[in-house]
Amino acid sequence: MKGVVLWFLQRLTGVILLIGLIIHFYTMHYSGTNALDYETVTARLSSPYWKGFDILFLLSILYHGFNGLWGIAIEYIKGSVVLRVVQIVIVAASIGLFITGIMIIV
């Protein structure tokens, strides 16, 4: 059952990433010449909607990417000690990037 949930979450985050990427590209690149001004970006980041969007986008990116790395590690690394070290690095990197991202967004 755990494998099915992880498989589903991988697909779900892929869909969220596709939708989030479309919203991001439209907002940042096609919504006018002042879309990247300091005032516009700070106003956008002060909105709870955009903070929620950014947090969901961050979580989706981190889960999708690091879950993929986890699967690759399980598939290709045969030594149990090396696999455990790689898994610890994957978890530590994802937690570190999550904390950094939240500190930037909030």
N, C-alpha and C. Protein backbone atom coordinates (compact mmCIF):
# COMPACT_ATOMS: atom_id res chain seq x y z
N MET A 1 0.81 -1.20 0.00
CA MET A 1 0.00 0.00 0.00
C MET A 1 0.86 1.27 0.00
N LYS A 2 1.99 1.23 0.71
CA LYS A 2 2.86 2.39 0.78
C LYS A 2 3.39 2.77 -0.60
N GLY A 3 3.75 1.78 -1.40
CA GLY A 3 4.25 2.04 -2.74
C GLY A 3 3.22 2.72 -3.63
N VAL A 4 1.95 2.35 -3.46
CA VAL A 4 0.88 2.96 -4.26
C VAL A 4 0.71 4.43 -3.89
N VAL A 5 0.79 4.72 -2.59
CA VAL A 5 0.65 6.11 -2.14
C VAL A 5 1.80 6.96 -2.66
N LEU A 6 3.03 6.43 -2.57
CA LEU A 6 4.18 7.17 -3.07
C LEU A 6 4.10 7.37 -4.58
N TRP A 7 3.65 6.36 -5.30
CA TRP A 7 3.47 6.46 -6.75
C TRP A 7 2.43 7.54 -7.06
N PHE A 8 1.32 7.53 -6.34
CA PHE A 8 0.26 8.51 -6.58
C PHE A 8 0.75 9.92 -6.27
N LEU A 9 1.48 10.10 -5.16
CA LEU A 9 1.99 11.42 -4.81
C LEU A 9 2.99 11.92 -5.84
N GLN A 10 3.78 11.03 -6.41
CA GLN A 10 4.73 11.42 -7.46
C GLN A 10 3.96 11.96 -8.67
N ARG A 11 2.89 11.28 -9.04
CA ARG A 11 2.07 11.74 -10.19
C ARG A 11 1.34 13.03 -9.86
N LEU A 12 0.79 13.11 -8.64
CA LEU A 12 0.06 14.31 -8.23
C LEU A 12 0.97 15.54 -8.20
N THR A 13 2.19 15.39 -7.66
CA THR A 13 3.10 16.53 -7.65
C THR A 13 3.54 16.90 -9.06
N GLY A 14 3.60 15.93 -9.95
CA GLY A 14 3.91 16.24 -11.35
C GLY A 14 2.84 17.12 -11.97
N VAL A 15 1.58 16.84 -11.68
CA VAL A 15 0.47 17.66 -12.20
C VAL A 15 0.51 19.05 -11.56
N ILE A 16 0.75 19.09 -10.24
CA ILE A 16 0.84 20.38 -9.56
C ILE A 16 2.00 21.21 -10.13
N LEU A 17 3.12 20.55 -10.42
CA LEU A 17 4.26 21.26 -11.01
C LEU A 17 3.93 21.81 -12.39
N LEU A 18 3.22 21.05 -13.19
CA LEU A 18 2.85 21.53 -14.52
C LEU A 18 1.95 22.76 -14.42
N ILE A 19 0.95 22.69 -13.57
CA ILE A 19 0.04 23.83 -13.40
C ILE A 19 0.79 25.02 -12.79
N GLY A 20 1.61 24.75 -11.78
CA GLY A 20 2.39 25.82 -11.13
C GLY A 20 3.37 26.48 -12.08
N LEU A 21 3.97 25.68 -12.96
CA LEU A 21 4.91 26.23 -13.93
C LEU A 21 4.20 27.15 -14.92
N ILE A 22 3.01 26.77 -15.35
CA ILE A 22 2.24 27.61 -16.25
C ILE A 22 1.89 28.94 -15.58
N ILE A 23 1.43 28.86 -14.32
CA ILE A 23 1.10 30.08 -13.58
C ILE A 23 2.35 30.93 -13.38
N HIS A 24 3.45 30.30 -13.01
CA HIS A 24 4.70 31.02 -12.79
C HIS A 24 5.16 31.73 -14.06
N PHE A 25 5.18 31.01 -15.18
CA PHE A 25 5.64 31.62 -16.43
C PHE A 25 4.73 32.76 -16.86
N TYR A 26 3.42 32.58 -16.71
CA TYR A 26 2.52 33.65 -17.09
C TYR A 26 2.74 34.88 -16.20
N THR A 27 2.82 34.66 -14.91
CA THR A 27 2.96 35.76 -13.96
C THR A 27 4.29 36.48 -14.12
N MET A 28 5.36 35.73 -14.27
CA MET A 28 6.69 36.34 -14.27
C MET A 28 7.13 36.84 -15.66
N HIS A 29 6.66 36.21 -16.71
CA HIS A 29 7.21 36.52 -18.03
C HIS A 29 6.22 37.13 -19.03
N TYR A 30 4.93 36.97 -18.77
CA TYR A 30 3.97 37.44 -19.77
C TYR A 30 2.94 38.43 -19.22
N SER A 31 3.12 38.90 -17.99
CA SER A 31 2.09 39.78 -17.43
C SER A 31 2.49 41.25 -17.46
N GLY A 32 3.38 41.62 -18.32
CA GLY A 32 3.73 43.02 -18.46
C GLY A 32 5.19 43.28 -18.18
N THR A 33 5.59 44.50 -18.46
CA THR A 33 7.00 44.85 -18.32
C THR A 33 7.41 45.07 -16.87
N ASN A 34 6.46 45.39 -15.99
CA ASN A 34 6.81 45.66 -14.60
C ASN A 34 6.60 44.43 -13.71
N ALA A 35 6.49 43.23 -14.29
CA ALA A 35 6.24 42.03 -13.50
C ALA A 35 7.40 41.67 -12.59
N LEU A 36 8.60 42.13 -12.93
CA LEU A 36 9.78 41.81 -12.13
C LEU A 36 10.31 43.00 -11.35
N ASP A 37 9.55 44.08 -11.28
CA ASP A 37 9.95 45.23 -10.47
C ASP A 37 9.93 44.86 -8.99
N TYR A 38 10.75 45.52 -8.22
CA TYR A 38 10.83 45.25 -6.78
C TYR A 38 9.48 45.45 -6.11
N GLU A 39 8.81 46.54 -6.43
CA GLU A 39 7.52 46.84 -5.81
C GLU A 39 6.47 45.79 -6.16
N THR A 40 6.45 45.36 -7.40
CA THR A 40 5.48 44.36 -7.84
C THR A 40 5.74 43.02 -7.16
N VAL A 41 6.99 42.63 -7.08
CA VAL A 41 7.33 41.34 -6.47
C VAL A 41 7.03 41.37 -4.97
N THR A 42 7.38 42.44 -4.27
CA THR A 42 7.09 42.51 -2.83
C THR A 42 5.59 42.56 -2.57
N ALA A 43 4.84 43.24 -3.43
CA ALA A 43 3.38 43.25 -3.28
C ALA A 43 2.81 41.86 -3.50
N ARG A 44 3.35 41.16 -4.48
CA ARG A 44 2.89 39.80 -4.76
C ARG A 44 3.21 38.88 -3.60
N LEU A 45 4.41 39.00 -3.03
CA LEU A 45 4.81 38.13 -1.94
C LEU A 45 4.12 38.45 -0.62
N SER A 46 3.51 39.62 -0.50
CA SER A 46 2.78 39.95 0.72
C SER A 46 1.37 39.37 0.71
N SER A 47 0.92 38.88 -0.43
CA SER A 47 -0.41 38.29 -0.54
C SER A 47 -0.41 36.87 0.01
N PRO A 48 -1.39 36.52 0.86
CA PRO A 48 -1.46 35.15 1.37
C PRO A 48 -1.69 34.12 0.26
N TYR A 49 -2.39 34.53 -0.81
CA TYR A 49 -2.60 33.63 -1.94
C TYR A 49 -1.27 33.22 -2.56
N TRP A 50 -0.41 34.20 -2.81
CA TRP A 50 0.87 33.90 -3.45
C TRP A 50 1.80 33.15 -2.51
N LYS A 51 1.73 33.46 -1.21
CA LYS A 51 2.53 32.69 -0.25
C LYS A 51 2.10 31.23 -0.25
N GLY A 52 0.80 31.00 -0.25
CA GLY A 52 0.28 29.63 -0.31
C GLY A 52 0.69 28.93 -1.60
N PHE A 53 0.59 29.65 -2.71
CA PHE A 53 1.00 29.09 -3.99
C PHE A 53 2.49 28.73 -3.97
N ASP A 54 3.31 29.64 -3.47
CA ASP A 54 4.75 29.40 -3.43
C ASP A 54 5.12 28.23 -2.52
N ILE A 55 4.43 28.11 -1.39
CA ILE A 55 4.70 26.99 -0.48
C ILE A 55 4.28 25.67 -1.12
N LEU A 56 3.12 25.64 -1.76
CA LEU A 56 2.67 24.43 -2.45
C LEU A 56 3.62 24.07 -3.60
N PHE A 57 4.06 25.07 -4.32
CA PHE A 57 5.00 24.86 -5.42
C PHE A 57 6.33 24.32 -4.89
N LEU A 58 6.81 24.90 -3.79
CA LEU A 58 8.05 24.44 -3.17
C LEU A 58 7.93 23.00 -2.69
N LEU A 59 6.85 22.68 -2.00
CA LEU A 59 6.65 21.31 -1.53
C LEU A 59 6.57 20.32 -2.68
N SER A 60 5.89 20.70 -3.74
CA SER A 60 5.77 19.82 -4.91
C SER A 60 7.13 19.59 -5.56
N ILE A 61 7.90 20.65 -5.71
CA ILE A 61 9.22 20.53 -6.31
C ILE A 61 10.11 19.62 -5.47
N LEU A 62 10.14 19.87 -4.18
CA LEU A 62 11.00 19.08 -3.30
C LEU A 62 10.58 17.62 -3.26
N TYR A 63 9.29 17.37 -3.10
CA TYR A 63 8.85 15.98 -3.03
C TYR A 63 9.12 15.26 -4.36
N HIS A 64 8.74 15.88 -5.44
CA HIS A 64 8.88 15.25 -6.75
C HIS A 64 10.35 14.96 -7.07
N GLY A 65 11.20 15.93 -6.85
CA GLY A 65 12.61 15.76 -7.16
C GLY A 65 13.32 14.77 -6.25
N PHE A 66 13.13 14.93 -4.95
CA PHE A 66 13.85 14.06 -4.03
C PHE A 66 13.25 12.65 -3.97
N ASN A 67 11.97 12.50 -4.21
CA ASN A 67 11.40 11.16 -4.31
C ASN A 67 11.95 10.45 -5.55
N GLY A 68 12.15 11.18 -6.63
CA GLY A 68 12.78 10.60 -7.81
C GLY A 68 14.21 10.18 -7.54
N LEU A 69 14.97 11.02 -6.82
CA LEU A 69 16.34 10.66 -6.45
C LEU A 69 16.36 9.45 -5.53
N TRP A 70 15.40 9.38 -4.63
CA TRP A 70 15.28 8.24 -3.71
C TRP A 70 15.09 6.95 -4.50
N GLY A 71 14.19 7.00 -5.48
CA GLY A 71 13.94 5.82 -6.31
C GLY A 71 15.16 5.42 -7.12
N ILE A 72 15.87 6.39 -7.65
CA ILE A 72 17.10 6.10 -8.40
C ILE A 72 18.14 5.48 -7.49
N ALA A 73 18.28 6.02 -6.28
CA ALA A 73 19.24 5.47 -5.33
C ALA A 73 18.92 4.02 -4.98
N ILE A 74 17.65 3.74 -4.73
CA ILE A 74 17.25 2.37 -4.40
C ILE A 74 17.53 1.43 -5.57
N GLU A 75 17.31 1.91 -6.78
CA GLU A 75 17.47 1.07 -7.96
C GLU A 75 18.93 0.77 -8.29
N TYR A 76 19.81 1.75 -8.14
CA TYR A 76 21.16 1.60 -8.65
C TYR A 76 22.25 1.37 -7.60
N ILE A 77 21.99 1.71 -6.35
CA ILE A 77 23.02 1.52 -5.32
C ILE A 77 22.79 0.18 -4.65
N LYS A 78 23.78 -0.69 -4.73
CA LYS A 78 23.63 -2.05 -4.22
C LYS A 78 24.12 -2.20 -2.78
N GLY A 79 25.12 -1.44 -2.36
CA GLY A 79 25.63 -1.55 -1.00
C GLY A 79 24.69 -0.91 0.00
N SER A 80 24.36 -1.63 1.08
CA SER A 80 23.39 -1.10 2.04
C SER A 80 23.93 0.10 2.81
N VAL A 81 25.23 0.12 3.10
CA VAL A 81 25.81 1.25 3.84
C VAL A 81 25.82 2.50 2.95
N VAL A 82 26.24 2.35 1.71
CA VAL A 82 26.26 3.48 0.78
C VAL A 82 24.84 3.98 0.52
N LEU A 83 23.91 3.05 0.37
CA LEU A 83 22.51 3.43 0.15
C LEU A 83 21.99 4.23 1.34
N ARG A 84 22.28 3.78 2.55
CA ARG A 84 21.81 4.48 3.74
C ARG A 84 22.42 5.90 3.82
N VAL A 85 23.69 6.04 3.47
CA VAL A 85 24.34 7.36 3.49
C VAL A 85 23.68 8.27 2.45
N VAL A 86 23.43 7.75 1.26
CA VAL A 86 22.79 8.55 0.21
C VAL A 86 21.38 8.95 0.64
N GLN A 87 20.66 8.05 1.26
CA GLN A 87 19.31 8.36 1.73
C GLN A 87 19.33 9.45 2.81
N ILE A 88 20.32 9.39 3.70
CA ILE A 88 20.45 10.42 4.73
C ILE A 88 20.76 11.77 4.09
N VAL A 89 21.61 11.78 3.09
CA VAL A 89 21.94 13.03 2.37
C VAL A 89 20.70 13.57 1.67
N ILE A 90 19.92 12.69 1.05
CA ILE A 90 18.69 13.12 0.36
C ILE A 90 17.72 13.75 1.36
N VAL A 91 17.50 13.11 2.49
CA VAL A 91 16.58 13.65 3.49
C VAL A 91 17.10 14.97 4.06
N ALA A 92 18.39 15.02 4.37
CA ALA A 92 18.97 16.25 4.93
C ALA A 92 18.89 17.41 3.94
N ALA A 93 19.18 17.13 2.67
CA ALA A 93 19.12 18.18 1.64
C ALA A 93 17.69 18.67 1.46
N SER A 94 16.73 17.76 1.45
CA SER A 94 15.34 18.18 1.25
C SER A 94 14.84 19.00 2.44
N ILE A 95 15.20 18.59 3.65
CA ILE A 95 14.78 19.37 4.83
C ILE A 95 15.46 20.74 4.83
N GLY A 96 16.76 20.77 4.51
CA GLY A 96 17.46 22.05 4.45
C GLY A 96 16.89 22.99 3.41
N LEU A 97 16.58 22.46 2.23
CA LEU A 97 15.99 23.31 1.19
C LEU A 97 14.58 23.75 1.54
N PHE A 98 13.82 22.89 2.23
CA PHE A 98 12.48 23.27 2.66
C PHE A 98 12.54 24.42 3.67
N ILE A 99 13.42 24.30 4.65
CA ILE A 99 13.55 25.36 5.66
C ILE A 99 14.00 26.66 5.01
N THR A 100 14.98 26.59 4.11
CA THR A 100 15.45 27.77 3.42
C THR A 100 14.32 28.41 2.59
N GLY A 101 13.57 27.58 1.87
CA GLY A 101 12.47 28.10 1.06
C GLY A 101 11.39 28.76 1.89
N ILE A 102 11.03 28.14 3.01
CA ILE A 102 10.01 28.73 3.87
C ILE A 102 10.50 30.05 4.45
N MET A 103 11.76 30.11 4.83
CA MET A 103 12.30 31.36 5.36
C MET A 103 12.27 32.47 4.32
N ILE A 104 12.48 32.13 3.08
CA ILE A 104 12.43 33.13 2.00
C ILE A 104 10.99 33.55 1.73
N ILE A 105 10.07 32.61 1.69
CA ILE A 105 8.68 32.92 1.35
C ILE A 105 8.00 33.70 2.47
N VAL A 106 8.19 33.29 3.68
CA VAL A 106 7.52 33.92 4.81
C VAL A 106 8.36 35.07 5.28
